[in-house]
Amino acid sequence: MTVQKIVDISVAQPLGSVDFAKAMLDGVVGCIVRAEYGKTIDAYFHRHIEAAMAAGMRVGCYAFQMTDADPADEVAALANELRASGYVLDYGVSLDVETLNHQ
């Protein structure tokens, strides 16, 4: 089994704080970028994913599902955003489901 280093990032990592080229030199091969928090597109989604892609890193994205929201609305919002972006995602889309919001 081959282990690959893949990182996840979101608005919690300020713009410019992640050096994707350096991360690749350190063995990181991919990045999963938070695209959505509920129906809200992550403020840094586009800039993070474009910076990772520009460095030659494989990318994917994830949606953080809000437990008190309608999942169909969240999926529709993300699908619309991805259609508009035209991104080709190596790792596709993942769903981050946790416990109660804000806890």
Protein backbone atom coordinates (compact mmCIF):
# COMPACT_ATOMS: atom_id res chain seq x y z
CA MET A 1 0.00 0.00 0.00
CA THR A 2 1.34 3.42 -0.97
CA VAL A 3 0.69 6.27 1.43
CA GLN A 4 0.28 9.70 -0.09
CA LYS A 5 0.32 13.00 1.75
CA ILE A 6 -2.80 15.05 1.07
CA VAL A 7 -3.73 18.17 3.03
CA ASP A 8 -7.04 19.89 3.55
CA ILE A 9 -7.37 23.65 3.77
CA SER A 10 -10.12 26.18 4.26
CA VAL A 11 -10.68 29.78 5.24
CA ALA A 12 -8.82 28.84 8.46
CA GLN A 13 -5.59 29.07 6.45
CA PRO A 14 -5.17 32.72 5.41
CA LEU A 15 -4.38 33.49 1.80
CA GLY A 16 -0.68 33.21 1.15
CA SER A 17 -0.04 31.14 4.27
CA VAL A 18 0.19 27.89 2.30
CA ASP A 19 3.18 27.48 -0.01
CA PHE A 20 1.94 24.73 -2.30
CA ALA A 21 5.23 24.42 -4.21
CA LYS A 22 7.14 23.92 -0.94
CA ALA A 23 4.53 21.44 0.28
CA MET A 24 5.07 19.41 -2.89
CA LEU A 25 8.83 19.41 -2.25
CA ASP A 26 8.01 18.04 1.21
CA GLY A 27 6.06 15.16 -0.35
CA VAL A 28 2.50 16.50 -0.35
CA VAL A 29 0.85 15.34 -3.57
CA GLY A 30 -2.62 16.76 -3.20
CA CYS A 31 -4.95 19.18 -1.55
CA ILE A 32 -8.61 18.95 -0.61
CA VAL A 33 -10.03 22.48 -0.38
CA ARG A 34 -13.15 23.34 1.57
CA ALA A 35 -15.61 24.61 -1.00
CA GLU A 36 -18.65 25.14 1.15
CA TYR A 37 -19.80 25.62 4.73
CA GLY A 38 -23.51 24.97 4.65
CA LYS A 39 -24.73 26.77 1.52
CA THR A 40 -21.98 29.40 1.83
CA ILE A 41 -19.01 29.09 -0.49
CA ASP A 42 -15.76 29.25 1.50
CA ALA A 43 -14.31 32.75 1.12
CA TYR A 44 -10.95 31.38 -0.03
CA PHE A 45 -12.16 28.39 -2.03
CA HIS A 46 -11.34 29.70 -5.49
CA ARG A 47 -8.04 31.31 -4.55
CA HIS A 48 -6.82 28.24 -2.63
CA ILE A 49 -7.77 25.76 -5.31
CA GLU A 50 -6.32 27.90 -8.10
CA ALA A 51 -3.03 28.36 -6.18
CA ALA A 52 -2.77 24.60 -5.61
CA MET A 53 -3.49 23.88 -9.27
CA ALA A 54 -0.96 26.52 -10.40
CA ALA A 55 1.70 24.73 -8.33
CA GLY A 56 0.86 21.47 -10.12
CA MET A 57 -0.82 19.87 -7.12
CA ARG A 58 -3.71 17.44 -7.52
CA VAL A 59 -6.91 18.88 -6.06
CA GLY A 60 -10.34 18.02 -4.78
CA CYS A 61 -12.84 19.80 -2.61
CA TYR A 62 -15.16 19.15 0.28
CA ALA A 63 -18.38 20.52 1.66
CA PHE A 64 -18.89 20.92 5.37
CA GLN A 65 -22.49 19.88 5.90
CA MET A 66 -24.52 21.85 8.40
CA THR A 67 -26.53 19.40 10.47
CA ASP A 68 -29.52 21.73 10.78
CA ALA A 69 -29.84 22.46 7.05
CA ASP A 70 -31.42 20.62 4.15
CA PRO A 71 -28.62 18.60 2.51
CA ALA A 72 -30.32 18.90 -0.89
CA ASP A 73 -29.97 22.69 -0.73
CA GLU A 74 -26.30 22.39 0.19
CA VAL A 75 -25.58 19.93 -2.64
CA ALA A 76 -27.38 22.17 -5.14
CA ALA A 77 -25.38 25.24 -4.06
CA LEU A 78 -22.08 23.38 -4.39
CA ALA A 79 -23.03 21.79 -7.72
CA ASN A 80 -23.89 25.23 -9.12
CA GLU A 81 -20.58 26.67 -7.92
CA LEU A 82 -18.56 23.81 -9.40
CA ARG A 83 -20.39 23.98 -12.73
CA ALA A 84 -19.66 27.71 -12.94
CA SER A 85 -15.98 27.24 -12.01
CA GLY A 86 -15.18 24.60 -14.61
CA TYR A 87 -12.57 23.03 -12.30
CA VAL A 88 -11.36 19.54 -13.10
CA LEU A 89 -10.99 17.87 -9.71
CA ASP A 90 -8.55 14.99 -9.42
CA TYR A 91 -10.05 13.85 -6.12
CA GLY A 92 -13.67 14.82 -6.78
CA VAL A 93 -15.95 16.11 -4.04
CA SER A 94 -16.13 14.85 -0.46
CA LEU A 95 -18.63 15.55 2.26
CA ASP A 96 -17.56 16.46 5.81
CA VAL A 97 -20.33 15.46 8.20
CA GLU A 98 -19.76 16.18 11.86
CA THR A 99 -21.91 16.66 14.94
CA LEU A 100 -23.93 19.71 15.93
CA ASN A 101 -22.95 23.02 14.41
CA HIS A 102 -20.89 25.48 16.45
CA GLN A 103 -19.92 22.91 19.08
